[in-house]
Protein backbone atom coordinates (compact mmCIF):
# COMPACT_ATOMS: atom_id res chain seq x y z
CA MET A 1 5.84 -11.47 -27.47
CA SER A 2 5.18 -10.25 -31.20
CA THR A 3 6.86 -6.77 -31.60
CA ILE A 4 6.64 -4.01 -34.34
CA SER A 5 9.66 -1.71 -34.00
CA ALA A 6 10.18 1.66 -35.73
CA GLY A 7 13.95 2.68 -36.08
CA ASN A 8 15.88 5.69 -37.15
CA THR A 9 18.10 4.07 -39.76
CA THR A 10 17.30 2.52 -43.27
CA THR A 11 17.92 -1.06 -42.07
CA THR A 12 15.61 -0.51 -38.99
CA THR A 13 12.73 1.46 -40.65
CA LEU A 14 10.31 -1.15 -39.55
CA VAL A 15 11.13 -4.56 -37.77
CA GLN A 16 8.55 -7.23 -37.13
CA THR A 17 9.04 -10.26 -34.96
CA GLY A 18 6.51 -12.71 -33.93
CA ASP A 19 5.84 -15.48 -31.48
CA THR A 20 2.76 -17.42 -30.23
CA THR A 21 2.22 -15.59 -26.70
CA GLY A 22 -0.75 -13.60 -28.00
CA ASN A 23 0.84 -10.31 -26.97
CA LEU A 24 1.92 -7.22 -29.15
CA THR A 25 4.45 -4.39 -28.35
CA LEU A 26 4.64 -1.44 -30.48
CA THR A 27 7.98 0.59 -29.97
CA ALA A 28 9.52 3.73 -31.59
CA VAL A 29 12.82 5.10 -31.04
CA ASN A 30 11.49 8.70 -31.34
CA ASN A 31 7.69 9.21 -31.72
CA LEU A 32 4.80 6.74 -32.14
CA ALA A 33 1.82 8.59 -33.75
CA LEU A 34 -1.79 7.01 -34.34
CA SER A 35 -3.37 9.36 -36.89
CA PRO A 36 -6.72 7.73 -38.15
CA SER A 37 -9.23 9.18 -40.19
CA GLN A 38 -12.06 7.76 -37.82
CA ASN A 39 -11.59 5.62 -34.73
CA VAL A 40 -8.92 3.38 -33.25
CA ALA A 41 -10.31 0.61 -31.29
CA ILE A 42 -7.95 -1.70 -29.13
CA THR A 43 -10.11 -4.45 -27.51
CA PRO A 44 -7.94 -6.83 -25.54
CA THR A 45 -8.93 -9.50 -23.37
CA GLY A 46 -6.43 -8.51 -20.82
CA ASN A 47 -4.62 -5.50 -20.08
CA VAL A 48 -3.13 -2.61 -22.32
CA SER A 49 0.12 -0.86 -21.30
CA ILE A 50 1.34 2.51 -22.51
CA THR A 51 4.72 3.23 -21.38
CA ALA A 52 6.33 6.76 -22.06
CA SER A 53 10.19 6.69 -21.18
CA GLY A 54 10.04 10.48 -20.86
CA GLY A 55 7.37 10.12 -18.10
CA ILE A 56 4.85 12.09 -20.09
CA ILE A 57 1.81 11.27 -22.07
CA ASN A 58 0.75 14.19 -24.05
CA THR A 59 -2.68 14.94 -25.65
CA ALA A 60 -2.11 18.66 -26.10
CA GLY A 61 -3.73 20.13 -29.17
CA THR A 62 -6.90 18.06 -28.97
CA THR A 63 -10.26 19.30 -28.15
CA GLY A 64 -12.06 16.38 -27.16
CA GLY A 65 -11.88 14.50 -23.71
CA LEU A 66 -10.17 11.45 -21.91
CA ILE A 67 -13.14 8.80 -21.15
CA VAL A 68 -11.86 6.78 -18.09
CA PRO A 69 -13.41 3.63 -17.03
CA THR A 70 -16.73 3.66 -15.40
CA GLY A 71 -18.51 1.47 -12.94
CA THR A 72 -20.26 0.86 -9.61
CA ASP A 73 -18.55 0.34 -6.20
CA ALA A 74 -18.81 -3.57 -6.89
CA GLN A 75 -17.12 -3.25 -10.16
CA ARG A 76 -13.99 -1.78 -8.77
CA PRO A 77 -10.99 -3.68 -10.23
CA ALA A 78 -9.91 -6.38 -7.65
CA ASN A 79 -6.16 -5.97 -8.31
CA ALA A 80 -5.88 -2.03 -8.67
CA VAL A 81 -2.54 -0.60 -8.19
CA ALA A 82 -1.75 2.94 -7.03
CA GLY A 83 -2.70 5.61 -9.27
CA THR A 84 -5.67 3.66 -10.88
CA ILE A 85 -8.51 6.28 -11.93
CA ARG A 86 -12.04 5.64 -12.67
CA PHE A 87 -15.53 7.12 -12.58
CA ASN A 88 -17.81 5.58 -9.79
CA THR A 89 -21.52 5.54 -11.03
CA SER A 90 -22.49 4.61 -7.31
CA ASN A 91 -21.80 7.93 -6.18
CA ASN A 92 -21.08 9.98 -9.46
CA ASN A 93 -17.50 10.82 -8.29
CA THR A 94 -13.98 10.52 -10.11
CA GLU A 95 -11.92 8.28 -8.00
CA ILE A 96 -8.13 7.26 -7.64
CA TYR A 97 -6.62 4.22 -5.74
CA SER A 98 -3.92 5.26 -3.34
CA GLY A 99 -2.56 1.75 -2.90
CA VAL A 100 -4.66 1.41 0.10
CA ALA A 101 -8.04 2.80 -0.65
CA TRP A 102 -10.31 4.33 -3.16
CA THR A 103 -10.33 8.24 -2.75
CA THR A 104 -12.73 10.85 -4.52
CA ILE A 105 -10.51 13.17 -6.59
CA THR A 106 -13.25 15.04 -8.20
CA SER A 107 -16.90 15.30 -7.17
CA PRO A 108 -19.44 17.37 -9.06
CA GLY A 109 -21.43 19.94 -6.93
CA TYR A 110 -25.10 19.70 -6.24
CA THR A 111 -27.86 22.09 -5.87
CA VAL A 112 -29.01 23.26 -2.36
CA ASN A 113 -32.16 25.11 -2.39
CA TYR A 114 -32.60 27.76 0.43
CA GLY A 115 -34.95 30.09 2.07
CA ILE A 116 -33.90 32.65 4.51
CA SER A 117 -35.35 35.58 6.61
CA ALA A 118 -33.39 38.24 8.47
CA GLY A 119 -34.36 39.51 11.79
CA GLY A 120 -37.24 41.89 11.93
CA GLY A 121 -36.99 45.74 12.95
CA GLY A 122 -37.96 46.83 16.26
CA SER A 123 -40.97 49.19 16.28
CA GLY A 124 -41.34 53.08 16.83
CA GLY A 125 -42.54 53.95 20.22
CA ASP A 126 -45.24 56.39 21.31
CA TRP A 127 -47.29 56.71 18.18
CA GLY A 128 -45.02 54.24 16.50
CA GLY A 129 -44.70 52.95 13.10
CA GLY A 130 -44.41 49.07 12.98
CA GLY A 131 -41.05 47.62 12.19
CA GLY A 132 -40.03 46.14 8.92
CA GLY A 133 -39.91 42.62 8.25
CA GLY A 134 -36.82 41.00 7.62
CA GLY A 135 -35.61 40.69 4.17
CA GLN A 136 -36.38 37.32 2.62
CA LEU A 137 -34.51 35.32 -0.20
CA GLN A 138 -35.50 32.15 -1.76
CA SER A 139 -33.30 30.61 -4.61
CA SER A 140 -30.36 27.93 -4.64
CA PHE A 141 -26.61 27.68 -4.95
CA LEU A 142 -24.23 24.90 -5.95
CA ALA A 143 -22.60 23.23 -2.90
CA VAL A 144 -19.09 22.08 -3.40
CA PRO A 145 -18.32 19.08 -1.68
CA SER A 146 -15.96 19.37 1.51
CA THR A 147 -16.83 22.96 1.72
CA VAL A 148 -18.24 24.32 4.89
CA TYR A 149 -21.20 26.79 4.68
CA THR A 150 -21.61 28.90 7.57
CA ILE A 151 -25.39 30.01 8.23
CA THR A 152 -25.72 33.01 10.48
CA VAL A 153 -29.38 33.58 11.70
CA GLY A 154 -29.99 37.44 12.35
CA ALA A 155 -31.44 38.60 15.69
CA GLY A 156 -34.38 40.88 15.73
CA GLY A 157 -33.74 44.60 15.95
CA SER A 158 -34.00 45.90 19.82
CA GLY A 159 -35.84 49.09 20.66
CA THR A 160 -35.97 51.08 17.38
CA ALA A 161 -32.87 49.22 15.76
CA ASN A 162 -32.91 47.36 12.42
CA GLY A 163 -32.80 43.67 12.78
CA ALA A 164 -29.59 41.78 11.89
CA ASN A 165 -28.76 39.99 8.48
CA THR A 166 -29.16 36.33 8.10
CA THR A 167 -26.49 35.05 5.81
CA ILE A 168 -24.90 31.95 4.00
CA VAL A 169 -21.21 31.98 3.33
CA GLY A 170 -18.97 29.38 2.10
CA GLY A 171 -16.55 28.93 -0.80
CA SER A 172 -17.64 31.23 -3.53
CA THR A 173 -21.15 31.56 -2.19
CA SER A 174 -22.20 34.67 -0.23
CA ILE A 175 -25.87 35.28 0.48
CA THR A 176 -27.28 37.91 2.55
CA ALA A 177 -30.92 38.67 3.54
CA ILE A 178 -31.11 42.35 4.89
CA GLY A 179 -32.47 43.20 8.45
CA GLY A 180 -35.70 44.65 8.58
CA GLY A 181 -35.96 48.47 9.12
CA GLY A 182 -36.71 49.48 12.70
CA GLY A 183 -37.79 52.83 14.57
CA ASN A 184 -39.96 54.99 12.55
CA SER A 185 -39.32 55.02 8.72
CA LYS A 186 -35.73 53.29 8.81
CA ALA A 187 -34.87 51.49 5.63
CA GLY A 188 -34.02 47.64 5.67
CA GLY A 189 -35.10 44.35 4.10
CA SER A 190 -38.44 45.73 4.41
CA GLY A 191 -39.01 49.34 5.69
CA ALA A 192 -40.34 50.42 8.97
CA GLY A 193 -43.68 52.36 9.10
CA ALA A 194 -43.77 56.30 9.66
CA GLY A 195 -44.71 57.20 13.04
CA GLY A 196 -47.61 59.53 13.77
CA GLY A 197 -47.38 63.15 14.69
CA GLY A 198 -47.46 64.49 11.29
CA ALA A 199 -46.82 63.72 7.59
CA GLY A 200 -43.97 61.28 7.10
CA THR A 201 -42.63 58.78 4.64
CA GLY A 202 -42.23 55.01 5.57
CA GLY A 203 -38.72 53.30 5.08
CA ALA A 204 -37.66 51.87 1.96
CA GLY A 205 -37.45 48.16 1.44
CA THR A 206 -34.51 46.22 -0.35
CA THR A 207 -35.36 45.26 -4.05
CA GLY A 208 -35.99 41.72 -4.15
CA GLN A 209 -36.23 41.17 -0.40
CA GLY A 210 -39.01 43.40 0.87
CA ASN A 211 -41.29 46.36 0.64
CA ALA A 212 -41.69 49.94 1.80
CA GLY A 213 -43.24 50.79 5.31
CA GLY A 214 -46.44 52.77 5.08
CA ASN A 215 -46.61 56.56 5.11
CA ASN A 216 -48.47 58.79 7.65
CA VAL A 217 -51.09 60.71 5.81
CA SER A 218 -54.23 60.98 7.78
CA THR A 219 -55.06 63.28 10.63
CA PRO A 220 -57.54 61.91 13.20
CA GLY A 221 -57.28 63.81 16.37
CA PRO A 222 -53.89 65.29 16.28
CA GLY A 223 -52.72 62.55 13.72
CA TYR A 224 -51.15 60.40 16.23
CA LEU A 225 -51.48 56.81 14.56
CA GLY A 226 -48.51 54.76 13.17
CA SER A 227 -48.22 53.02 9.76
CA GLY A 228 -47.49 49.47 8.94
CA GLY A 229 -44.00 48.16 8.48
CA GLY A 230 -43.38 46.75 5.17
CA GLY A 231 -43.29 42.90 4.56
CA ALA A 232 -41.32 40.43 2.25
CA GLY A 233 -44.63 40.01 0.19
CA ALA A 234 -46.41 43.39 0.50
CA ALA A 235 -45.95 46.95 1.54
CA GLY A 236 -47.03 48.45 5.06
CA GLU A 237 -50.29 50.10 4.98
CA ASN A 238 -50.63 53.87 5.51
CA ASP A 239 -52.30 55.06 8.86
CA GLN A 240 -56.01 55.17 8.24
CA SER A 241 -58.56 57.66 9.29
CA ASN A 242 -59.73 55.34 12.13
CA ARG A 243 -56.74 53.29 13.08
CA GLY A 244 -53.14 52.54 12.67
CA GLY A 245 -51.84 51.01 9.46
CA ASN A 246 -51.35 47.14 9.06
CA GLY A 247 -48.20 45.56 8.64
CA GLY A 248 -47.54 44.21 5.17
CA ALA A 249 -47.79 40.59 4.72
CA GLY A 250 -44.64 38.10 4.34
CA LEU A 251 -44.18 35.08 2.25
CA GLN A 252 -44.33 31.53 2.74
CA ILE A 253 -41.22 29.32 2.76
CA THR A 254 -42.22 25.84 2.05
CA LEU A 255 -39.04 23.91 1.58
CA ASP A 256 -39.82 21.85 4.85
CA GLY A 257 -43.41 21.03 3.32
CA GLY A 258 -44.88 23.51 5.65
CA THR A 259 -47.02 26.58 4.74
CA SER A 260 -45.81 29.24 7.31
CA TYR A 261 -45.34 33.02 6.30
CA PHE A 262 -42.17 34.72 7.38
CA SER A 263 -41.07 38.35 7.29
CA GLY A 264 -44.23 40.20 8.04
CA GLY A 265 -44.35 43.93 9.05
CA GLY A 266 -45.48 45.10 12.24
CA GLY A 267 -48.68 47.03 12.93
CA GLY A 268 -48.84 50.90 13.59
CA GLY A 269 -49.66 52.11 17.15
CA GLY A 270 -53.13 53.65 17.83
CA TYR A 271 -54.26 56.29 20.04
CA SER A 272 -57.58 57.35 22.02
CA THR A 273 -60.61 55.68 20.32
CA TYR A 274 -58.50 54.96 17.21
CA ALA A 275 -57.21 51.36 17.08
CA ALA A 276 -53.88 50.05 16.37
CA GLY A 277 -53.05 48.18 13.29
CA SER A 278 -52.52 44.51 13.14
CA GLY A 279 -49.27 42.66 12.12
CA GLY A 280 -48.64 41.31 8.72
CA ALA A 281 -48.64 37.54 8.04
CA GLY A 282 -45.32 36.12 8.94
CA GLY A 283 -44.70 37.02 12.46
CA GLY A 284 -45.46 40.82 12.44
CA GLY A 285 -46.39 42.09 15.87
CA ALA A 286 -49.53 44.17 16.32
CA GLY A 287 -49.51 47.75 17.40
CA GLY A 288 -50.35 48.83 20.83
CA PRO A 289 -53.34 51.00 21.76
CA THR A 290 -52.92 54.17 23.88
CA SER A 291 -50.13 54.28 26.23
CA THR A 292 -49.52 50.76 25.61
CA VAL A 293 -46.44 48.91 23.70
CA GLY A 294 -47.10 46.62 20.64
CA THR A 295 -46.45 43.02 20.32
CA ALA A 296 -42.87 42.01 19.64
CA GLY A 297 -42.25 40.19 16.19
CA SER A 298 -42.44 36.57 16.59
CA THR A 299 -39.34 34.52 17.30
CA ASN A 300 -37.66 32.87 14.22
CA THR A 301 -40.12 34.40 11.71
CA GLY A 302 -38.41 37.87 10.90
CA GLY A 303 -41.48 39.67 11.74
CA GLY A 304 -41.35 43.35 12.65
CA GLY A 305 -42.44 44.76 16.12
CA GLY A 306 -45.69 46.48 16.42
CA GLY A 307 -45.51 50.19 17.03
CA GLY A 308 -46.15 51.68 20.50
CA GLY A 309 -49.57 53.44 21.05
CA GLY A 310 -49.74 57.15 21.47
CA GLY A 311 -49.40 58.75 24.96
CA GLY A 312 -46.52 56.87 26.06
CA GLY A 313 -46.43 53.35 24.38
CA GLY A 314 -42.70 52.16 23.97
CA SER A 315 -41.02 50.17 21.43
CA VAL A 316 -40.56 46.44 21.12
CA ALA A 317 -38.22 44.17 19.38
CA GLY A 318 -38.61 42.50 15.85
CA GLY A 319 -38.56 38.65 15.65
CA SER A 320 -35.35 36.71 14.89
CA GLY A 321 -34.59 35.23 11.65
CA ILE A 322 -34.51 31.69 10.29
CA ALA A 323 -32.77 29.69 7.59
CA PHE A 324 -33.69 26.66 5.60
CA LEU A 325 -31.60 24.51 3.41
CA SER A 326 -33.10 21.69 1.22
CA ILE A 327 -30.45 19.25 0.20
CA PRO A 328 -30.71 16.23 -2.14
CA THR A 329 -30.98 13.23 0.31
CA SER A 330 -28.45 11.13 -1.88
CA LYS A 331 -25.99 14.07 -1.38
CA TYR A 332 -26.57 14.93 2.31
CA THR A 333 -23.46 14.55 4.28
CA GLY A 334 -24.98 14.62 7.83
CA THR A 335 -22.14 17.18 8.88
CA THR A 336 -23.72 20.09 11.01
CA THR A 337 -23.52 22.26 13.69
CA GLY A 338 -25.72 24.41 15.51
CA SER A 339 -28.26 21.74 15.94
CA PRO A 340 -30.65 22.44 13.03
CA THR A 341 -33.97 20.64 13.08
CA VAL A 342 -33.62 17.87 10.34
CA THR A 343 -36.48 16.40 8.21
CA THR A 344 -37.32 15.03 4.86
CA ASN A 345 -39.41 16.35 2.27
CA GLY A 346 -39.73 14.21 -0.89
CA SER A 347 -36.39 13.18 -2.12
CA ASN A 348 -34.61 15.91 -0.07
CA THR A 349 -33.23 16.60 3.40
CA VAL A 350 -34.34 19.62 4.92
CA LEU A 351 -32.28 21.59 7.68
CA LYS A 352 -33.97 24.42 9.54
CA TYR A 353 -31.72 26.69 11.46
CA THR A 354 -33.27 28.89 14.16
CA SER A 355 -29.74 29.79 15.45
CA SER A 356 -26.49 30.01 13.81
CA GLY A 357 -24.50 26.78 12.58
CA THR A 358 -22.95 25.06 9.62
CA TYR A 359 -23.32 22.52 7.03
CA THR A 360 -20.46 20.85 5.48
CA ALA A 361 -21.11 19.62 1.74
């Protein structure tokens, strides 16, 4: 092996030896520094070894990066030793050889699109306002491999209660859709409509998730008409001179390729010859006529319950929520709990949770 050695005496400043092996070793008693003004290229036909007797190879003080070998699964070195590092272009992961198998040591996150609706609010009874639709959120988050994401699907509000929140929680991700407002005029993801019996203001919605319930402003007969609950896409309607207010419309979630609406508001209750309001698109229940309960919000839509009719109509529950996750099929792990419905839409795998469960990225 040919060598070039740097010593620390005047007689060993630079010593060269040569042979015919075709190998070259650079050694230094203290430090070996390469300080080119441009690039240094080492292009062997075999292996290149850098051995630091102190056990540390130091690149501190630089602002660039270390480029490791790249290649597919099939291009992994046949005689890899423990500690070998490379970037695998088949799965876009950095991997290390343990001496037994290749193991991922870093993996870039991937984008998961989501659409979630919280549980709808229960309605007011007896001249009742419609329940508010569950809050709705549609966006995306960065999924970190091996992280468990827990999806909690909110229940609809029973009686006059608000609906429960729908959430996605895992790692640094925490996403919450607020349950719809229940009863008469309660605030929520979308607010409940005001009940009849006098002037009243509908419940407020949550910014970015839903809209306010309708107000009680008209006075047919004794003014016993309910207003509509707010929806994710529109506010609830005020009570009208000849009927209860309609529930506000929800919004579509199309991640699975469908066109369904979710988080509609419930319609206000009617009375005597005055009709009840209709439920908003997205599972909102219709209001009830005189002395009759309204229609409950539809299951797994986040729709608000329909208000009870004047003269004894009772309250009804809002619809339970729902959650969709749209994951690049190339990244989908298949590790879930809660039995979500699994479909594909284009290049993505879509999970639909109608009850609580998990996804492991």
